[in-house]
Amino acid sequence: MIESKVKSLLENIISSQDLTQSEAHYFLNEVMKGNVSEIILSAFLTALKIKGETEEELTGFVLAMRENAEKPKQKFDFDFMDTCGTGGDGKGSFNVSTLSAFTLASLGVKVAKHGNRSVSSLSGSSDILQSIGYDLDRSKEDLTAEFLKTGFVFLFAQSWHPSMKYAGPVRRELGIRTFFNLIGPLSNPFAPTHQVLGVYDSSLVVPVSRILAQLGIKKSVTCHSRDGMDEFSIFAPTDYAFFDGKTTESLVFDPKVLKSLFPLKEEEVFSKSKEESSAHFFEILKGAKTSGTDLVALNAGVALFVAGKVGSISEGFEMAKEALLSKKVLEFVRETLNLSQVVSSLDK
């Protein structure tokens, strides 16, 4: 019976028929239970990529992903943020979202950062955090306790979504971007109340904003820059959708409105190697006056605006930039997150 229904849904996708939300939910739920063969899943992912995912389908997939995730035992009675993006922009940037998350947490905005290995940056969130001594292997209870104590936690996707083991081999073998790349950032197991989410294509900005609204987010920004980044850019305008809790508005942010940008240098943002990317990351953490610092400050500033800490993105940019340049963010990483032994080596 299950196999028959799964094959029927596959046939629909091959015939370019859209699935309902409940059908999409059913299919991925069966994948997460191990009831869908790798051959069927591979065919489904390929056919769906060719057809294109609808908002209804993506919502169903996200709901299934969330239902099958590990959950924290603790209920959170406060607002908090996620800064996880889809990746996949192919720009070779350093890990902007992680530095933005550190910046927010240093300014009192609680952050549950959901992430994985690298997708488009040369170093994914988990990679860079491990390099500065962040322990990804702690129990979920310990991670929850850390979040409550420090206002920051990193949720390693592989640990919180064990059912993805059934899809992992197929994704690796296919080697193409699928809907999994999109629903991952929508599937934070802590269910944040606020989110800034960069997407790999401008056509996804509004649909993803509407999906977040359906999932119960209080406020969010989804974005894609016109120079191809899955975050706000300091080099080109960024198309974004702002959901204020009631309606979604499509807007454009032009970085020219920022008055205190350092001279624009793409080589201070984009890298050709993992080592160069890491060097940019640590320079910014140390308070360097670079375009990379401005890029982090802008994206953290967007999140400060979404969190209601400032009245505009520009105001948030200035607040975040000051925190980076004054080494307030570095102090947070060293002292509050207790990564002092590893990060102290940066000053040598």
Protein backbone atom coordinates (compact mmCIF):
# COMPACT_ATOMS: atom_id res chain seq x y z
CA MET A 1 0.00 0.00 0.00
CA ILE A 2 2.77 2.46 0.95
CA GLU A 3 4.85 1.52 -2.08
CA SER A 4 1.86 1.93 -4.36
CA LYS A 5 1.04 5.42 -3.07
CA VAL A 6 4.68 6.53 -3.20
CA LYS A 7 4.99 5.38 -6.82
CA SER A 8 1.73 7.16 -7.66
CA LEU A 9 3.16 10.42 -6.30
CA LEU A 10 6.34 9.85 -8.29
CA GLU A 11 4.29 9.36 -11.45
CA ASN A 12 2.49 12.63 -10.76
CA ILE A 13 5.79 14.51 -10.46
CA ILE A 14 7.17 12.88 -13.63
CA SER A 15 3.98 14.05 -15.40
CA SER A 16 4.64 17.60 -14.12
CA GLN A 17 1.63 17.49 -11.79
CA ASP A 18 1.98 19.48 -8.57
CA LEU A 19 1.48 17.70 -5.26
CA THR A 20 -0.79 18.97 -2.54
CA GLN A 21 0.75 19.94 0.79
CA SER A 22 -0.52 16.72 2.36
CA GLU A 23 0.87 14.60 -0.49
CA ALA A 24 4.30 16.21 -0.19
CA HIS A 25 4.17 15.70 3.58
CA TYR A 26 3.25 12.04 3.12
CA PHE A 27 6.06 11.36 0.66
CA LEU A 28 8.85 12.87 2.76
CA ASN A 29 7.44 11.32 5.94
CA GLU A 30 7.78 7.90 4.31
CA VAL A 31 11.34 8.76 3.26
CA MET A 32 12.15 9.66 6.86
CA LYS A 33 10.80 6.31 8.01
CA GLY A 34 13.00 4.42 5.57
CA ASN A 35 10.04 3.26 3.48
CA VAL A 36 11.19 4.74 0.16
CA SER A 37 13.93 3.01 -1.85
CA GLU A 38 16.97 4.96 -2.99
CA ILE A 39 15.98 4.41 -6.63
CA ILE A 40 12.50 5.87 -6.10
CA LEU A 41 13.87 8.78 -4.08
CA SER A 42 16.51 9.54 -6.71
CA ALA A 43 13.88 9.57 -9.45
CA PHE A 44 11.59 11.76 -7.34
CA LEU A 45 14.29 14.33 -6.55
CA THR A 46 15.36 14.54 -10.18
CA ALA A 47 11.82 14.83 -11.55
CA LEU A 48 10.86 17.43 -8.95
CA LYS A 49 13.92 19.52 -9.76
CA ILE A 50 12.93 19.49 -13.42
CA LYS A 51 9.29 20.35 -12.64
CA GLY A 52 10.11 22.93 -9.98
CA GLU A 53 8.85 22.95 -6.38
CA THR A 54 5.66 24.77 -5.47
CA GLU A 55 5.04 26.62 -2.23
CA GLU A 56 2.50 23.97 -1.20
CA GLU A 57 4.99 21.17 -1.80
CA LEU A 58 7.78 22.89 0.11
CA THR A 59 5.48 23.56 3.06
CA GLY A 60 4.53 19.88 3.19
CA PHE A 61 8.17 18.84 3.03
CA VAL A 62 9.13 21.24 5.83
CA LEU A 63 6.33 20.00 8.08
CA ALA A 64 7.50 16.41 7.59
CA MET A 65 11.11 17.41 8.24
CA ARG A 66 10.16 19.19 11.46
CA GLU A 67 7.99 16.33 12.69
CA ASN A 68 10.82 13.84 12.27
CA ALA A 69 13.47 16.00 13.93
CA GLU A 70 14.75 15.54 17.46
CA LYS A 71 13.14 18.08 19.79
CA PRO A 72 14.48 19.90 22.87
CA LYS A 73 12.80 18.89 26.11
CA GLN A 74 12.80 22.50 27.25
CA LYS A 75 10.05 24.89 26.14
CA PHE A 76 11.27 28.41 25.38
CA ASP A 77 9.11 31.30 26.55
CA PHE A 78 11.22 34.02 24.91
CA ASP A 79 11.93 35.28 21.41
CA PHE A 80 15.05 34.11 19.59
CA MET A 81 16.62 34.18 16.14
CA ASP A 82 18.11 31.91 13.50
CA THR A 83 20.45 33.19 10.78
CA CYS A 84 20.77 29.99 8.72
CA GLY A 85 20.64 30.38 4.94
CA THR A 86 20.31 27.91 2.10
CA GLY A 87 23.84 28.30 0.79
CA GLY A 88 24.34 27.27 -2.80
CA ASP A 89 25.20 30.72 -4.14
CA GLY A 90 28.65 29.56 -5.27
CA LYS A 91 30.31 32.85 -4.31
CA GLY A 92 33.09 31.44 -2.13
CA SER A 93 32.45 33.76 0.80
CA PHE A 94 33.52 33.18 4.38
CA ASN A 95 30.86 32.06 6.84
CA VAL A 96 28.88 35.27 7.25
CA SER A 97 25.89 33.77 9.06
CA THR A 98 27.98 32.39 11.94
CA LEU A 99 29.74 35.70 12.57
CA SER A 100 26.37 37.45 12.34
CA ALA A 101 25.00 35.04 14.94
CA PHE A 102 27.93 35.76 17.29
CA THR A 103 27.38 39.49 16.81
CA LEU A 104 23.68 39.24 17.62
CA ALA A 105 24.27 37.15 20.72
CA SER A 106 26.91 39.61 21.96
CA LEU A 107 24.24 42.33 21.70
CA GLY A 108 21.66 40.39 23.68
CA VAL A 109 19.66 38.80 20.86
CA LYS A 110 19.30 35.09 21.61
CA VAL A 111 20.34 32.88 18.69
CA ALA A 112 19.75 29.19 18.00
CA LYS A 113 21.94 28.78 14.92
CA HIS A 114 20.94 25.83 12.77
CA GLY A 115 23.58 24.65 10.29
CA ASN A 116 25.55 21.96 8.60
CA ARG A 117 28.68 21.34 6.59
CA SER A 118 29.65 23.79 3.86
CA VAL A 119 27.31 24.31 0.89
CA SER A 120 28.45 27.51 -0.84
CA SER A 121 30.96 29.08 1.51
CA LEU A 122 34.38 27.48 1.73
CA SER A 123 33.72 26.71 5.38
CA GLY A 124 30.34 25.70 6.77
CA SER A 125 29.06 26.71 10.19
CA SER A 126 30.00 23.41 11.79
CA ASP A 127 33.46 23.49 10.20
CA ILE A 128 34.35 26.95 11.47
CA LEU A 129 32.87 26.36 14.93
CA GLN A 130 34.87 23.18 15.35
CA SER A 131 38.01 25.05 14.34
CA ILE A 132 37.60 27.39 17.33
CA GLY A 133 36.86 24.61 19.78
CA TYR A 134 33.07 24.47 19.78
CA ASP A 135 32.03 20.95 20.81
CA LEU A 136 29.38 19.63 18.42
CA ASP A 137 29.14 16.27 20.18
CA ARG A 138 27.54 17.40 23.42
CA SER A 139 24.20 15.98 24.49
CA LYS A 140 21.05 17.78 23.48
CA GLU A 141 20.38 18.55 27.14
CA ASP A 142 23.79 20.22 27.46
CA LEU A 143 23.22 22.25 24.31
CA THR A 144 19.82 23.38 25.53
CA ALA A 145 21.35 24.39 28.87
CA GLU A 146 24.05 26.36 27.05
CA PHE A 147 21.40 28.21 25.07
CA LEU A 148 19.54 29.17 28.23
CA LYS A 149 22.78 30.30 29.92
CA THR A 150 24.60 32.13 27.11
CA GLY A 151 21.88 33.06 24.61
CA PHE A 152 23.68 31.18 21.83
CA VAL A 153 23.67 27.59 20.63
CA PHE A 154 24.65 25.84 17.44
CA LEU A 155 22.37 23.00 16.34
CA PHE A 156 24.29 20.65 14.06
CA ALA A 157 21.71 19.49 11.51
CA GLN A 158 23.03 15.95 11.28
CA SER A 159 22.53 15.45 15.03
CA TRP A 160 19.01 16.84 15.18
CA HIS A 161 17.69 15.23 11.98
CA PRO A 162 18.72 11.56 12.28
CA SER A 163 15.99 10.46 9.85
CA MET A 164 17.88 12.23 7.08
CA LYS A 165 20.19 9.20 7.02
CA TYR A 166 17.76 7.59 4.58
CA ALA A 167 18.13 10.46 2.11
CA GLY A 168 21.81 11.24 2.64
CA PRO A 169 23.34 8.63 0.30
CA VAL A 170 21.03 9.61 -2.56
CA ARG A 171 21.77 13.31 -2.12
CA ARG A 172 25.50 12.69 -2.12
CA GLU A 173 25.34 10.42 -5.16
CA LEU A 174 23.15 12.80 -7.17
CA GLY A 175 25.36 15.76 -6.33
CA ILE A 176 22.74 18.30 -7.42
CA ARG A 177 20.82 20.90 -5.46
CA THR A 178 17.39 19.62 -4.43
CA PHE A 179 14.53 20.78 -2.23
CA PHE A 180 16.48 19.48 0.78
CA ASN A 181 18.86 22.43 0.41
CA LEU A 182 15.89 24.76 0.76
CA ILE A 183 13.95 23.10 3.57
CA GLY A 184 16.97 22.63 5.85
CA PRO A 185 17.06 26.28 7.01
CA LEU A 186 13.28 26.11 7.53
CA SER A 187 13.60 23.11 9.85
CA ASN A 188 15.33 24.44 12.95
CA PRO A 189 14.32 21.98 15.72
CA PHE A 190 14.09 24.80 18.27
CA ALA A 191 11.46 26.58 16.09
CA PRO A 192 12.82 30.16 16.35
CA THR A 193 10.37 33.04 16.63
CA HIS A 194 12.38 35.27 14.28
CA GLN A 195 14.57 34.46 11.28
CA VAL A 196 16.79 35.97 8.61
CA LEU A 197 17.08 33.50 5.77
CA GLY A 198 19.10 33.96 2.60
CA VAL A 199 18.07 31.92 -0.45
CA TYR A 200 20.06 30.89 -3.53
CA ASP A 201 17.63 32.34 -6.08
CA SER A 202 15.62 35.56 -6.11
CA SER A 203 12.48 33.69 -7.23
CA LEU A 204 12.40 32.00 -3.81
CA VAL A 205 12.43 35.16 -1.69
CA VAL A 206 8.66 35.71 -1.45
CA PRO A 207 7.57 32.03 -1.41
CA VAL A 208 9.96 31.21 1.43
CA SER A 209 8.73 34.25 3.35
CA ARG A 210 5.16 32.97 3.00
CA ILE A 211 6.21 29.48 4.13
CA LEU A 212 7.81 30.95 7.27
CA ALA A 213 4.56 32.81 7.94
CA GLN A 214 2.60 29.56 7.63
CA LEU A 215 4.98 27.92 10.07
CA GLY A 216 4.14 30.53 12.68
CA ILE A 217 7.20 32.80 12.58
CA LYS A 218 6.65 36.16 14.31
CA LYS A 219 8.88 38.21 12.01
CA SER A 220 11.32 37.35 9.25
CA VAL A 221 13.40 38.57 6.36
CA THR A 222 14.23 36.40 3.36
CA CYS A 223 16.75 37.72 0.86
CA HIS A 224 18.90 37.30 -2.24
CA SER A 225 21.32 39.93 -3.47
CA ARG A 226 21.57 41.06 -7.06
CA ASP A 227 25.22 40.01 -7.19
CA GLY A 228 24.13 36.47 -6.33
CA MET A 229 24.66 36.14 -2.58
CA ASP A 230 22.30 34.27 -0.26
CA GLU A 231 22.52 37.21 2.13
CA PHE A 232 22.53 41.00 2.05
CA SER A 233 25.38 42.36 -0.05
CA ILE A 234 27.51 45.47 0.45
CA PHE A 235 28.39 45.46 -3.26
CA ALA A 236 24.93 45.45 -4.87
CA PRO A 237 21.25 45.92 -3.97
CA THR A 238 19.47 43.06 -2.22
CA ASP A 239 15.92 41.94 -2.90
CA TYR A 240 14.18 40.92 0.29
CA ALA A 241 10.79 40.13 1.74
CA PHE A 242 9.90 41.40 5.20
CA PHE A 243 7.15 39.60 7.12
CA ASP A 244 6.03 41.79 10.03
CA GLY A 245 3.73 39.23 11.63
CA LYS A 246 0.77 40.08 9.43
CA THR A 247 1.82 40.75 5.85
CA THR A 248 4.79 40.14 3.56
CA GLU A 249 6.27 43.13 1.75
CA SER A 250 8.76 42.90 -1.12
CA LEU A 251 11.54 45.47 -0.77
CA VAL A 252 15.00 46.38 -2.05
CA PHE A 253 17.95 47.43 0.10
CA ASP A 254 20.66 49.53 -1.53
CA PRO A 255 23.94 49.43 0.43
CA LYS A 256 24.72 52.96 -0.80
CA VAL A 257 22.55 54.24 2.07
CA LEU A 258 25.18 53.01 4.53
CA LYS A 259 27.32 56.02 5.43
CA SER A 260 30.33 54.39 7.10
CA LEU A 261 31.30 51.60 4.70
CA PHE A 262 35.00 50.90 4.42
CA PRO A 263 36.41 51.04 0.85
CA LEU A 264 34.76 48.19 -1.05
CA LYS A 265 37.18 45.32 -1.67
CA GLU A 266 35.79 42.03 -2.93
CA GLU A 267 39.05 40.24 -2.07
CA GLU A 268 38.25 40.88 1.61
CA VAL A 269 35.02 38.88 1.25
CA PHE A 270 35.45 36.22 -1.43
CA SER A 271 38.11 33.54 -1.23
CA LYS A 272 39.77 30.98 -3.45
CA SER A 273 40.67 28.52 -0.70
CA LYS A 274 39.43 27.25 2.65
CA GLU A 275 42.51 28.75 4.33
CA GLU A 276 41.82 32.18 2.88
CA SER A 277 38.18 31.96 3.92
CA SER A 278 39.17 31.09 7.50
CA ALA A 279 41.64 33.98 7.54
CA HIS A 280 38.85 36.41 6.62
CA PHE A 281 36.65 34.95 9.35
CA PHE A 282 39.26 35.38 12.07
CA GLU A 283 40.33 38.84 10.91
CA ILE A 284 36.75 40.03 11.32
CA LEU A 285 36.42 38.36 14.71
CA LYS A 286 39.56 40.23 15.81
CA GLY A 287 38.00 43.58 14.84
CA ALA A 288 39.61 44.22 11.45
CA LYS A 289 38.47 47.21 9.39
CA THR A 290 37.56 45.37 6.19
CA SER A 291 34.72 44.88 3.74
CA GLY A 292 34.17 41.53 5.42
CA THR A 293 33.41 43.34 8.67
CA ASP A 294 30.91 45.55 6.87
CA LEU A 295 29.25 42.50 5.30
CA VAL A 296 28.81 40.82 8.69
CA ALA A 297 27.61 44.07 10.26
CA LEU A 298 24.99 44.53 7.54
CA ASN A 299 23.57 41.03 7.92
CA ALA A 300 23.62 41.24 11.71
CA GLY A 301 21.99 44.66 11.36
CA VAL A 302 19.15 43.14 9.35
CA ALA A 303 18.60 40.62 12.15
CA LEU A 304 18.68 43.37 14.79
CA PHE A 305 15.94 45.11 12.82
CA VAL A 306 13.88 41.90 12.59
CA ALA A 307 14.34 41.35 16.32
CA GLY A 308 13.03 44.85 17.03
CA LYS A 309 16.27 46.08 18.60
CA VAL A 310 16.60 48.94 16.11
CA GLY A 311 14.26 50.94 13.91
CA SER A 312 16.06 50.40 10.60
CA ILE A 313 18.59 48.16 8.87
CA SER A 314 21.05 51.06 8.68
CA GLU A 315 20.82 51.61 12.43
CA GLY A 316 21.36 47.91 13.00
CA PHE A 317 24.42 48.00 10.72
CA GLU A 318 26.02 50.73 12.82
CA MET A 319 25.29 48.92 16.08
CA ALA A 320 26.68 45.63 14.81
CA LYS A 321 29.76 47.28 13.28
CA GLU A 322 30.61 48.93 16.56
CA ALA A 323 30.31 45.60 18.38
CA LEU A 324 32.74 44.01 15.90
CA LEU A 325 35.29 46.84 15.86
CA SER A 326 35.29 47.22 19.65
CA LYS A 327 35.92 43.46 19.97
CA LYS A 328 32.70 43.02 21.91
CA VAL A 329 31.92 40.06 19.67
CA LEU A 330 35.37 38.54 20.24
CA GLU A 331 34.93 38.94 23.98
CA PHE A 332 31.58 37.15 23.79
CA VAL A 333 33.12 34.23 21.92
CA ARG A 334 36.03 34.02 24.35
CA GLU A 335 34.34 34.62 27.67
CA THR A 336 30.66 33.78 27.36
CA LEU A 337 31.06 30.81 25.03
CA ASN A 338 34.24 29.80 26.88
CA LEU A 339 36.30 29.40 23.71
CA SER A 340 39.13 31.49 25.19
CA GLN A 341 41.89 28.90 24.90
CA VAL A 342 41.49 28.46 21.16
CA VAL A 343 40.51 32.00 20.19
CA SER A 344 43.27 33.59 22.29
CA SER A 345 45.77 32.27 19.75
CA LEU A 346 44.34 34.78 17.27
CA ASP A 347 46.14 37.62 19.03
CA LYS A 348 49.56 36.11 18.52
